[in-house]
Protein backbone atom coordinates (compact mmCIF):
# COMPACT_ATOMS: atom_id res chain seq x y z
CA MET A 1 6.97 73.73 62.29
CA ASN A 2 4.46 75.77 63.04
CA LEU A 3 0.54 74.42 63.01
CA LEU A 4 0.51 71.57 60.78
CA ILE A 5 1.91 73.84 58.19
CA GLN A 6 3.52 77.03 58.44
CA ALA A 7 1.60 79.13 56.48
CA ILE A 8 -1.79 78.22 54.78
CA GLU A 9 -2.53 80.97 52.07
CA GLY A 10 -3.82 78.84 49.16
CA GLY A 11 -2.72 79.02 45.47
CA SER A 12 -4.23 78.89 42.12
CA MET A 13 -4.63 77.97 38.67
CA THR A 14 -6.40 76.68 35.76
CA LYS A 15 -8.42 73.38 36.10
CA SER A 16 -6.34 72.00 33.11
CA GLN A 17 -3.38 72.41 35.42
CA CYS A 18 -5.14 70.71 38.48
CA GLU A 19 -6.92 67.03 37.86
CA ASN A 20 -7.70 66.70 41.05
CA ASN A 21 -9.78 70.24 41.66
CA LYS A 22 -13.24 69.70 40.23
CA THR A 23 -15.07 72.02 41.62
CA ALA A 24 -12.94 75.39 41.41
CA PRO A 25 -10.54 77.06 39.29
CA ILE A 26 -7.49 76.81 42.45
CA HIS A 27 -4.74 74.11 42.00
CA ARG A 28 -4.43 71.54 44.77
CA SER A 29 -1.92 69.42 42.93
CA TRP A 30 -0.25 73.11 42.15
CA ILE A 31 0.31 73.54 46.14
CA LYS A 32 1.82 70.05 46.48
CA GLN A 33 4.19 71.56 43.74
CA GLY A 34 5.25 74.31 45.61
CA VAL A 35 5.20 73.66 49.01
CA ILE A 36 7.74 69.88 48.41
CA GLY A 37 10.04 71.42 46.25
CA THR A 38 12.62 73.17 46.75
CA VAL A 39 14.26 76.19 44.99
CA VAL A 40 17.95 77.87 44.84
CA ALA A 41 18.18 81.21 44.28
CA VAL A 42 20.36 83.87 43.97
CA GLY A 43 20.08 87.61 43.20
CA LEU A 44 21.00 88.69 39.88
CA GLY A 45 21.43 92.69 41.08
CA ALA A 46 24.91 94.35 39.69
CA LEU A 47 27.36 93.00 42.66
CA SER A 48 30.35 94.48 40.83
CA ILE A 49 28.73 98.51 41.37
CA LEU A 50 28.58 97.39 45.26
CA PRO A 51 30.63 100.51 47.38
CA VAL A 52 32.85 99.36 49.33
CA HIS A 53 32.65 100.12 53.07
CA ALA A 54 35.67 100.81 55.38
CA GLN A 55 33.78 98.84 58.04
CA ASP A 56 31.30 95.52 56.95
CA LYS A 57 28.58 96.39 59.07
CA THR A 58 26.43 93.37 59.21
CA ILE A 59 23.11 92.31 60.51
CA VAL A 60 22.64 88.86 61.19
CA TRP A 61 18.97 87.52 61.26
CA GLY A 62 18.04 83.99 62.83
CA LYS A 63 15.00 82.47 61.08
CA LYS A 64 12.80 79.18 61.98
CA LEU A 65 12.24 77.69 58.37
CA GLU A 66 13.56 78.61 54.87
CA ALA A 67 12.21 80.55 52.33
CA THR A 68 11.66 78.19 49.44
CA LEU A 69 9.07 80.31 47.03
CA LEU A 70 10.71 82.66 45.48
CA ASP A 71 8.08 84.24 43.24
CA PRO A 72 6.48 86.73 44.86
CA ALA A 73 2.61 86.78 43.18
CA THR A 74 2.58 83.00 43.52
CA SER A 75 4.46 82.30 46.74
CA ILE A 76 1.53 80.67 49.22
CA LEU A 77 4.34 80.42 52.06
CA ALA A 78 4.71 83.50 54.86
CA SER A 79 8.21 81.94 55.66
CA SER A 80 9.66 83.17 52.30
CA TRP A 81 6.92 86.52 52.35
CA GLU A 82 9.49 87.57 55.22
CA LEU A 83 12.30 87.30 52.83
CA LEU A 84 10.67 88.69 49.94
CA HIS A 85 9.75 91.83 52.07
CA VAL A 86 13.69 92.64 52.39
CA VAL A 87 13.73 92.02 48.55
CA TYR A 88 10.90 93.63 46.81
CA ASP A 89 8.88 96.81 47.57
CA GLY A 90 5.12 97.69 46.81
CA LEU A 91 3.38 100.73 45.57
CA THR A 92 2.45 101.01 48.75
CA ASP A 93 4.08 100.29 52.29
CA THR A 94 2.40 100.29 56.04
CA ASP A 95 3.22 101.70 59.27
CA GLU A 96 3.46 100.13 63.04
CA ASN A 97 -0.60 100.38 62.84
CA MET A 98 -1.00 99.00 59.43
CA GLU A 99 -2.00 102.04 57.77
CA ALA A 100 -1.05 103.08 53.86
CA ILE A 101 2.22 104.96 53.74
CA PRO A 102 4.24 105.67 50.39
CA GLY A 103 6.29 102.56 49.23
CA LEU A 104 7.61 102.84 45.56
CA ALA A 105 4.40 105.22 45.01
CA GLU A 106 4.96 108.65 47.31
CA SER A 107 1.78 109.65 46.92
CA TRP A 108 -1.60 108.82 45.58
CA GLU A 109 -5.04 110.24 45.19
CA VAL A 110 -8.78 108.57 45.72
CA SER A 111 -11.60 109.90 43.61
CA ALA A 112 -15.03 110.83 46.03
CA ASP A 113 -16.54 107.28 45.23
CA GLY A 114 -13.88 104.66 45.85
CA THR A 115 -12.99 103.58 42.41
CA GLN A 116 -10.40 105.17 40.92
CA TYR A 117 -6.76 105.52 42.41
CA VAL A 118 -4.00 107.87 40.44
CA PHE A 119 -0.57 106.28 42.32
CA LYS A 120 2.40 108.93 41.50
CA LEU A 121 5.70 106.96 41.23
CA ARG A 122 8.84 108.19 43.07
CA GLN A 123 11.12 110.07 40.50
CA GLY A 124 14.03 107.67 39.65
CA ILE A 125 13.24 104.07 41.23
CA LYS A 126 15.34 101.75 40.34
CA PHE A 127 15.99 98.05 40.47
CA SER A 128 19.06 96.41 42.17
CA ASN A 129 20.04 96.01 38.21
CA GLY A 130 20.25 100.22 38.27
CA ARG A 131 17.30 99.73 35.34
CA ASP A 132 14.57 102.32 36.00
CA VAL A 133 11.19 101.08 37.11
CA THR A 134 8.43 101.73 35.23
CA PRO A 135 4.97 102.04 34.93
CA ASP A 136 4.88 99.27 32.39
CA ASP A 137 6.50 97.31 35.42
CA VAL A 138 4.20 98.88 37.78
CA ILE A 139 1.00 97.52 35.88
CA GLY A 140 2.94 94.13 34.15
CA SER A 141 3.51 92.84 37.93
CA LEU A 142 0.05 93.53 39.46
CA GLN A 143 -1.62 92.53 35.71
CA ARG A 144 0.11 89.16 36.35
CA MET A 145 -0.73 88.47 39.51
CA MET A 146 -4.23 89.06 38.31
CA ASP A 147 -4.17 86.14 35.45
CA PRO A 148 -5.48 83.53 36.68
CA LYS A 149 -2.77 81.78 34.36
CA THR A 150 -0.04 82.50 37.26
CA GLY A 151 -1.60 81.02 39.73
CA SER A 152 -2.02 83.78 42.58
CA PHE A 153 -4.14 82.92 45.16
CA PHE A 154 -3.93 86.62 45.85
CA ARG A 155 -5.46 87.45 43.07
CA LEU A 156 -8.95 88.82 43.94
CA GLN A 157 -7.39 90.44 46.74
CA LEU A 158 -7.13 93.73 45.09
CA GLY A 159 -10.70 94.28 44.81
CA ASN A 160 -12.60 94.25 41.22
CA VAL A 161 -9.83 95.99 39.05
CA LYS A 162 -11.52 97.40 36.01
CA SER A 163 -8.22 98.82 34.26
CA MET A 164 -5.39 99.64 35.18
CA SER A 165 -3.35 102.79 32.70
CA SER A 166 -0.52 105.12 32.65
CA SER A 167 -0.67 109.05 31.60
CA ASP A 168 3.14 109.48 31.91
CA SER A 169 6.59 108.28 33.19
CA ARG A 170 5.60 108.60 36.95
CA THR A 171 1.77 107.73 36.86
CA VAL A 172 -0.43 105.31 37.66
CA THR A 173 -3.98 105.31 37.47
CA ILE A 174 -6.26 102.01 39.01
CA GLU A 175 -9.99 101.46 38.33
CA LEU A 176 -12.39 99.53 39.61
CA GLU A 177 -15.45 98.13 39.67
CA GLU A 178 -16.71 99.28 42.92
CA PRO A 179 -14.76 100.44 46.15
CA TYR A 180 -12.50 98.38 47.90
CA ALA A 181 -11.14 99.37 51.02
CA PRO A 182 -8.32 97.16 51.67
CA LEU A 183 -7.01 98.15 48.36
CA LEU A 184 -3.97 100.28 49.65
CA THR A 185 -2.92 97.71 52.07
CA ALA A 186 -2.89 95.30 49.95
CA LEU A 187 -0.61 96.67 47.64
CA SER A 188 2.06 96.42 50.76
CA SER A 189 1.49 92.58 50.33
CA SER A 190 4.59 90.66 49.09
CA MET A 191 2.35 89.25 46.77
CA ALA A 192 1.45 92.48 44.99
CA SER A 193 5.07 93.52 44.66
CA ILE A 194 6.67 95.66 41.86
CA ILE A 195 9.01 92.76 39.37
CA PRO A 196 11.10 93.84 36.82
CA MET A 197 8.72 92.71 33.90
CA LYS A 198 11.00 93.34 31.20
CA GLU A 199 14.01 90.53 32.61
CA VAL A 200 10.56 88.36 32.78
CA ASN A 201 9.26 88.80 29.40
CA ASP A 202 12.50 88.12 27.69
CA GLY A 203 13.58 84.94 30.16
CA SER A 204 16.77 86.29 31.53
CA LEU A 205 15.06 86.53 34.98
CA ASP A 206 13.55 83.34 36.19
CA LEU A 207 11.61 84.10 39.11
CA GLN A 208 11.08 81.07 40.64
CA LYS A 209 15.15 80.83 41.02
CA ASP A 210 16.34 84.36 41.24
CA THR A 211 15.25 87.66 42.52
CA LEU A 212 15.21 91.41 41.55
CA GLY A 213 13.79 93.81 43.32
CA THR A 214 13.40 97.47 44.43
CA GLY A 215 14.13 96.28 48.14
CA PRO A 216 16.76 97.59 50.59
CA PHE A 217 19.05 94.66 50.34
CA MET A 218 19.49 92.12 47.14
CA VAL A 219 20.35 88.20 47.43
CA GLN A 220 24.36 87.40 46.74
CA SER A 221 24.51 83.85 47.77
CA HIS A 222 21.79 81.03 49.51
CA ALA A 223 22.85 77.57 50.64
CA MET A 224 19.51 75.77 50.76
CA GLY A 225 19.17 75.27 54.83
CA ASP A 226 21.69 77.22 55.69
CA GLU A 227 21.50 80.73 54.96
CA TRP A 228 21.07 83.30 52.87
CA VAL A 229 23.38 86.99 52.38
CA LEU A 230 21.89 89.75 50.94
CA VAL A 231 23.85 93.01 50.35
CA ARG A 232 22.66 96.34 50.13
CA ASN A 233 20.83 97.57 46.93
CA PRO A 234 23.02 100.72 45.75
CA TYR A 235 20.07 101.61 44.15
CA TYR A 236 17.23 101.98 46.89
CA TYR A 237 15.11 104.88 46.88
CA GLU A 238 15.64 105.53 50.77
CA PRO A 239 18.69 108.18 50.89
CA GLY A 240 21.49 106.72 53.40
CA LEU A 241 19.38 103.89 53.34
CA PRO A 242 20.04 100.73 54.66
CA LYS A 243 22.55 101.22 57.13
CA ALA A 244 23.47 97.46 57.01
CA ASP A 245 25.91 96.49 54.36
CA LYS A 246 24.96 93.01 54.58
CA LEU A 247 22.15 91.15 56.06
CA ILE A 248 23.02 86.92 56.80
CA VAL A 249 19.98 85.14 57.33
CA ARG A 250 20.69 81.93 58.68
CA ILE A 251 18.17 79.08 58.89
CA MET A 252 18.15 78.23 62.94
CA PRO A 253 14.69 75.58 63.24
CA SER A 254 15.35 75.34 66.93
CA ASP A 255 14.59 77.66 69.80
CA GLN A 256 17.69 76.21 71.42
CA ALA A 257 19.56 77.40 68.85
CA LEU A 258 18.14 80.77 68.63
CA ILE A 259 18.65 81.51 72.20
CA ALA A 260 22.45 80.17 72.08
CA GLY A 261 22.67 82.54 68.94
CA LEU A 262 20.96 85.40 71.20
CA ARG A 263 23.46 84.87 74.14
CA SER A 264 26.61 85.13 72.62
CA GLY A 265 25.65 87.88 70.31
CA ASP A 266 26.16 85.67 66.92
CA VAL A 267 22.67 86.40 65.88
CA HIS A 268 21.38 90.10 66.18
CA VAL A 269 17.41 89.41 65.78
CA ALA A 270 15.73 86.32 65.86
CA GLN A 271 12.34 84.84 64.85
CA PHE A 272 10.60 82.32 67.17
CA ASP A 273 7.63 82.40 64.94
CA SER A 274 4.53 80.51 67.22
CA SER A 275 6.25 78.74 69.57
CA PRO A 276 4.66 78.58 72.87
CA ASP A 277 7.70 78.82 75.25
CA ALA A 278 9.84 81.29 73.61
CA LYS A 279 8.55 84.27 75.74
CA MET A 280 9.49 82.34 79.03
CA LEU A 281 13.22 81.24 77.93
CA LEU A 282 14.25 84.33 76.40
CA GLN A 283 13.46 86.17 79.76
CA THR A 284 16.43 84.42 81.23
CA LEU A 285 18.90 86.02 78.78
CA ASP A 286 20.54 89.71 79.21
CA ASN A 287 20.07 92.81 76.84
CA VAL A 288 17.29 91.07 74.92
CA GLU A 289 14.08 92.74 74.19
CA ILE A 290 11.60 90.42 73.26
CA VAL A 291 8.36 91.51 70.43
CA GLN A 292 5.42 90.07 70.04
CA ASN A 293 3.31 92.16 67.46
CA GLN A 294 -0.39 92.32 67.44
CA GLN A 295 -1.37 90.00 64.51
CA SER A 296 -4.47 89.60 62.22
CA ASN A 297 -3.49 86.02 61.93
CA MET A 298 -5.41 82.86 63.28
CA TYR A 299 -5.74 79.46 63.63
CA TRP A 300 -8.81 77.86 62.41
CA LEU A 301 -10.58 74.06 62.79
CA VAL A 302 -11.57 73.32 59.44
CA VAL A 303 -14.05 70.17 59.32
CA ASN A 304 -14.74 68.33 56.08
CA GLY A 305 -18.15 69.34 54.69
CA VAL A 306 -17.81 68.45 51.30
CA LYS A 307 -17.91 64.69 51.24
CA GLU A 308 -20.42 62.38 51.45
CA ASP A 309 -19.49 60.17 53.72
CA SER A 310 -18.43 62.70 56.21
CA PRO A 311 -20.84 63.08 59.52
CA PHE A 312 -19.80 67.08 58.88
CA THR A 313 -22.00 67.77 56.01
CA ASN A 314 -24.42 67.70 59.02
CA GLN A 315 -24.38 71.58 60.23
CA LEU A 316 -25.52 70.26 63.24
CA VAL A 317 -22.63 67.96 63.68
CA ARG A 318 -20.49 70.52 62.74
CA GLN A 319 -22.45 72.83 65.59
CA ALA A 320 -21.89 70.43 68.26
CA VAL A 321 -17.88 70.48 67.61
CA ALA A 322 -17.94 73.62 67.26
CA LEU A 323 -19.68 74.83 70.24
CA SER A 324 -17.48 71.78 72.45
CA ILE A 325 -13.72 73.72 71.79
CA ASP A 326 -12.66 75.76 74.14
CA ARG A 327 -10.70 78.88 73.11
CA LYS A 328 -9.55 80.11 76.36
CA GLN A 329 -7.28 76.81 76.84
CA ILE A 330 -6.45 76.42 74.05
CA ALA A 331 -4.90 80.21 73.97
CA ASN A 332 -3.52 79.71 77.39
CA MET A 333 -1.50 76.91 75.82
CA LEU A 334 -0.01 78.28 73.41
CA GLY A 335 1.52 80.17 76.28
CA GLY A 336 -0.59 82.98 76.31
CA GLY A 337 -0.01 85.42 74.08
CA ALA A 338 -2.90 84.65 71.71
CA GLN A 339 -6.39 85.60 71.78
CA PRO A 340 -10.00 83.46 71.41
CA SER A 341 -11.10 85.24 68.17
CA THR A 342 -14.33 84.90 66.33
CA ALA A 343 -14.18 84.71 62.61
CA PHE A 344 -12.97 88.51 62.38
CA ALA A 345 -9.52 88.71 64.52
CA PRO A 346 -9.44 91.10 67.45
CA MET A 347 -7.57 93.75 66.32
CA PHE A 348 -9.85 94.58 63.56
CA ASN A 349 -13.39 94.97 66.26
CA ALA A 350 -15.78 93.77 63.35
CA CYS A 351 -17.64 91.27 65.06
CA ASP A 352 -19.26 91.01 68.13
CA ALA A 353 -18.85 87.47 69.99
CA ASN A 354 -22.43 88.57 72.15
CA GLN A 355 -24.27 88.32 69.17
CA LEU A 356 -23.07 84.83 67.91
CA ASP A 357 -25.11 81.87 68.41
CA ILE A 358 -22.26 79.57 68.03
CA PHE A 359 -19.42 80.52 69.86
CA GLU A 360 -19.08 79.99 73.60
CA ARG A 361 -18.52 76.49 74.85
CA ASP A 362 -21.33 74.75 75.81
CA VAL A 363 -21.06 71.05 75.97
CA LYS A 364 -24.82 70.41 77.43
CA ARG A 365 -25.63 71.90 74.33
CA ALA A 366 -23.04 70.34 72.00
CA LYS A 367 -24.12 66.18 73.25
CA ALA A 368 -28.13 67.54 72.25
CA LEU A 369 -27.44 68.74 68.98
CA LEU A 370 -25.13 65.17 68.03
CA LYS A 371 -28.71 63.40 70.00
CA GLU A 372 -30.69 65.85 67.30
CA ALA A 373 -28.31 64.54 64.47
CA GLY A 374 -29.05 61.26 64.70
CA VAL A 375 -25.42 60.71 65.95
CA GLY A 376 -23.81 58.94 68.50
CA LYS A 377 -20.46 58.18 69.69
CA MET A 378 -18.08 58.60 66.75
CA THR A 379 -14.21 58.16 65.88
CA LEU A 380 -12.70 60.26 63.39
CA ASP A 381 -9.16 60.90 62.37
CA MET A 382 -6.88 64.39 62.57
CA PRO A 383 -3.84 64.60 60.92
CA ASN A 384 -1.34 66.25 62.71
CA VAL A 385 2.49 68.02 61.91
CA PRO A 386 3.78 67.63 65.27
CA GLY A 387 5.34 70.44 66.80
CA ALA A 388 5.05 72.66 69.77
CA VAL A 389 1.87 74.81 68.69
CA ASN A 390 0.10 71.62 67.02
CA ASP A 391 0.69 69.04 70.35
CA ALA A 392 -0.27 71.63 72.40
CA MET A 393 -3.21 72.81 70.53
CA TYR A 394 -4.56 69.20 69.06
CA ALA A 395 -4.31 67.84 72.59
CA VAL A 396 -6.58 70.49 74.06
CA LEU A 397 -9.29 69.72 70.55
CA GLN A 398 -8.73 66.08 71.55
CA LYS A 399 -10.09 66.32 74.98
CA ASN A 400 -12.47 68.77 74.38
CA PHE A 401 -13.94 66.20 71.43
CA ALA A 402 -13.91 63.33 73.89
CA ASP A 403 -16.43 65.53 76.31
CA ILE A 404 -19.25 64.83 73.41
CA GLY A 405 -18.67 61.26 72.86
CA ILE A 406 -16.07 62.10 69.65
CA THR A 407 -12.81 60.52 69.65
CA VAL A 408 -10.36 62.02 67.94
CA ASN A 409 -7.23 60.05 67.02
CA ILE A 410 -3.90 62.09 65.75
CA GLU A 411 -2.36 61.04 62.91
CA ASN A 412 1.35 62.43 63.00
CA MET A 413 2.84 62.63 59.08
CA ASP A 414 5.33 65.18 57.43
CA GLU A 415 3.94 68.06 56.12
CA GLY A 416 4.29 66.81 52.35
CA THR A 417 1.89 63.98 53.47
CA TRP A 418 -0.38 66.83 55.35
CA VAL A 419 -0.44 69.24 52.19
CA SER A 420 -1.82 65.82 49.90
CA LYS A 421 -4.29 64.69 52.02
CA VAL A 422 -5.64 68.37 52.68
CA TRP A 423 -5.03 70.45 49.68
CA VAL A 424 -4.81 68.05 46.65
CA ASP A 425 -7.44 65.39 47.34
CA ASN A 426 -10.71 66.78 46.22
CA PRO A 427 -12.59 65.70 48.84
CA MET A 428 -9.79 66.08 51.19
CA SER A 429 -9.13 62.26 52.36
CA VAL A 430 -9.65 63.29 56.42
CA ASP A 431 -12.61 64.17 58.41
CA LEU A 432 -10.93 67.52 59.99
CA THR A 433 -7.71 69.23 60.27
CA GLY A 434 -5.96 72.73 62.20
CA LEU A 435 -4.33 75.56 59.87
CA TRP A 436 -3.65 78.62 60.23
CA TYR A 437 -4.46 81.66 57.70
CA ALA A 438 -2.55 85.11 57.62
CA GLY A 439 -5.55 87.35 58.51
CA TYR A 440 -3.95 90.58 56.22
CA SER A 441 -4.85 94.21 56.99
CA ASP A 442 -9.01 93.76 56.31
CA ALA A 443 -11.60 91.75 58.21
CA ILE A 444 -13.42 91.57 54.46
CA MET A 445 -9.97 89.44 52.78
CA VAL A 446 -10.00 86.52 54.94
CA PRO A 447 -13.97 85.37 54.11
CA LEU A 448 -13.23 85.08 50.20
CA TRP A 449 -11.53 81.88 51.23
CA LEU A 450 -14.60 80.91 52.38
CA ASN A 451 -16.10 81.05 48.59
CA PRO A 452 -14.59 77.36 47.02
CA ASN A 453 -15.10 78.87 43.36
CA LYS A 454 -13.10 81.71 43.70
CA ALA A 455 -10.94 80.34 46.55
CA GLY A 456 -10.56 76.75 44.80
CA PHE A 457 -7.73 75.69 47.83
CA THR A 458 -10.70 75.14 50.21
CA ALA A 459 -12.66 73.58 47.79
CA GLY A 460 -11.76 69.91 49.11
CA TYR A 461 -13.49 70.85 52.35
CA GLN A 462 -15.21 73.96 51.83
CA ILE A 463 -19.28 73.81 51.68
CA ASP A 464 -20.71 76.22 48.42
CA ASP A 465 -23.33 78.17 50.38
CA ALA A 466 -24.18 80.53 47.93
CA GLU A 467 -25.82 82.77 50.43
CA MET A 468 -22.89 82.94 52.34
CA ASN A 469 -20.82 84.09 48.98
CA ALA A 470 -23.22 86.52 47.88
CA ALA A 471 -22.94 88.23 51.53
CA VAL A 472 -19.01 88.10 51.32
CA ASP A 473 -19.42 89.74 47.66
CA GLY A 474 -21.63 92.56 49.59
CA LEU A 475 -19.55 93.38 51.86
CA ARG A 476 -16.46 93.47 49.96
CA GLY A 477 -17.89 96.18 47.70
CA LEU A 478 -18.48 98.73 50.53
CA ALA A 479 -16.49 101.39 51.23
CA GLY A 480 -14.20 101.34 54.27
CA ASP A 481 -16.62 104.63 56.15
CA ASP A 482 -19.92 102.88 54.10
CA PRO A 483 -22.17 103.03 57.12
CA ASN A 484 -23.66 100.08 55.94
CA ARG A 485 -20.21 98.02 56.65
CA PRO A 486 -20.24 97.68 60.46
CA ALA A 487 -23.47 95.62 59.93
CA ALA A 488 -22.29 93.51 57.28
CA LEU A 489 -19.36 92.37 58.58
CA GLN A 490 -21.35 91.47 61.65
CA ASN A 491 -23.90 89.47 58.80
CA VAL A 492 -21.03 87.31 57.55
CA CYS A 493 -19.11 87.20 61.37
CA ASN A 494 -23.04 85.39 61.76
CA MET A 495 -23.10 83.15 58.88
CA ILE A 496 -19.84 81.65 59.22
CA HIS A 497 -20.02 80.62 63.10
CA THR A 498 -23.58 79.03 61.95
CA GLN A 499 -22.64 77.20 59.19
CA ALA A 500 -19.36 76.21 61.72
CA ASN A 501 -17.32 74.67 58.53
CA HIS A 502 -14.60 77.00 58.83
CA ILE A 503 -14.50 77.03 62.93
CA PRO A 504 -12.15 79.69 64.08
CA LEU A 505 -9.94 79.26 67.45
CA VAL A 506 -7.36 81.62 68.45
CA THR A 507 -5.05 84.62 67.17
CA ARG A 508 -1.30 83.57 65.96
CA GLN A 509 1.21 84.99 68.16
CA GLU A 510 4.48 85.54 66.57
CA THR A 511 7.41 86.08 68.92
CA MET A 512 10.96 88.00 68.17
CA ALA A 513 13.58 89.13 69.93
CA TYR A 514 17.16 91.56 69.46
CA ARG A 515 19.74 91.93 71.26
CA SER A 516 18.89 95.95 72.47
CA ASP A 517 23.29 96.51 72.82
CA LEU A 518 23.96 95.20 69.78
CA ILE A 519 21.84 96.57 67.44
CA ASP A 520 18.78 99.11 67.20
CA ALA A 521 15.41 97.21 65.77
CA SER A 522 12.88 99.26 67.56
CA GLY A 523 11.49 99.47 64.25
CA ILE A 524 10.61 96.06 64.24
CA LYS A 525 7.19 96.96 66.26
CA HIS A 526 4.24 96.85 64.22
CA ILE A 527 0.92 95.29 63.73
CA ASP A 528 0.93 92.68 60.85
CA GLY A 529 -0.93 90.55 59.13
CA TYR A 530 1.65 89.78 55.85
CA ALA A 531 4.20 88.52 57.53
CA ASN A 532 6.46 91.68 57.35
CA ASN A 533 8.70 90.30 60.76
CA LEU A 534 11.52 92.42 60.09
CA ALA A 535 9.90 95.60 58.90
CA ASP A 536 11.59 98.22 58.34
CA VAL A 537 15.21 96.54 58.73
CA GLU A 538 16.78 99.48 56.28
CA THR A 539 16.51 101.21 59.30
CA TYR A 540 18.61 99.03 62.12
CA THR A 541 21.62 100.51 63.13
CA LEU A 542 24.67 98.66 64.98
CA HIS A 543 25.59 99.71 68.11
């Protein structure tokens, strides 16, 4: 298990669906049901028409965590996104530098003012059951994801969409109210996957249990907690791909099991998530290529700024805690791959730390702020789901807080209890906690989560700050090449650090490894912010 919970991405529903959420339209009770519930899935592709191969070419992927949330629009777990990327496609894809490239759309045109996108769909694309993909599927998939009734946490991450329409069987037009720089790359996310709307609407496809996409592989069978078996999609739009006939996904929670699988050759590609020891352990193996891709994903410390009796309703106390944190020590404890980070991941180059008033560790100033706030020694509770990353990070934080007179009791608990305390209870029933957010493809996307009116999964701990909300909204309306964008990014970054409610820590380093003598998986090397850890799997070749 990674820091506290495998992925912290949020979710949204109508207010009537969540009696615990009193301030926002997003849906903490739904999150609990989604994370704790389990799903048994089978693919609906027509397996009887699969071609017969003289030699079964099978790739085995060792994966730490099960994929339990299969509806692309509402899945909040990166462990599920990883599988969904293999089964579904979006209008766009991203290259190794996380730039937009064609997906189901072979091309697009953007208006001069950045508010109209006209996509041309590929000729003859089909779902894995053989049915043609239509503009109705594309528009219906995106409208469903953006509909508040669906409960997608990602629904606002396509910008302010004015309308969607089609003029013929291969053209889809998206009109925006204002420019939105990340639209093309956001459309590559698993949340924006194109799903078969005819089957969804007639009830023949239950997205909670079944999968039916356009991706290179389709689900043949699934044994919960054990393995997935996926086979090639005979209708995949790229000629000659996938190169493998079958992809077996084995759920292998421990580093030791993954190492043993690579050593024996029973596993071709292994995913170690954010294990701090993975790189060191892998260096003892022959013929193993270690991949640590640059990530926009980040760990954060969040403090309870909304509970009436919380000490963190006082900004001086929040700032004191922020100034006590030694980010470099945390990065070192996590194996050296992580980087200290401002509110915007380093890869975005969007925030100059030298311009931040609240960033570098300053124990003397932190103590002075506590004194100014009239706060003496405090004892606080911080929940933890035990694991190598969690434990290492919490050990540093506990020591940092002790240096300014704050005693933190770390309370170990299971993931479900943590979810209830942090995301279901409103306000959250703990003082502070650690978590991680996916960083996506543009610096302007994560700040939306700091507006509890729009990203209600944070409503249990995030202050509703009208000035910062307005600044974030203004930033999101700027085109990527707008000359005002750099200053607007720096301003929002300053506001986040000064508010000190969401306190950025370090980047999250994923480790992947593959047997280079058994498989060519060079496409796995890429910049990522959407948990597409098996990128370009359709191109992987067995030796």
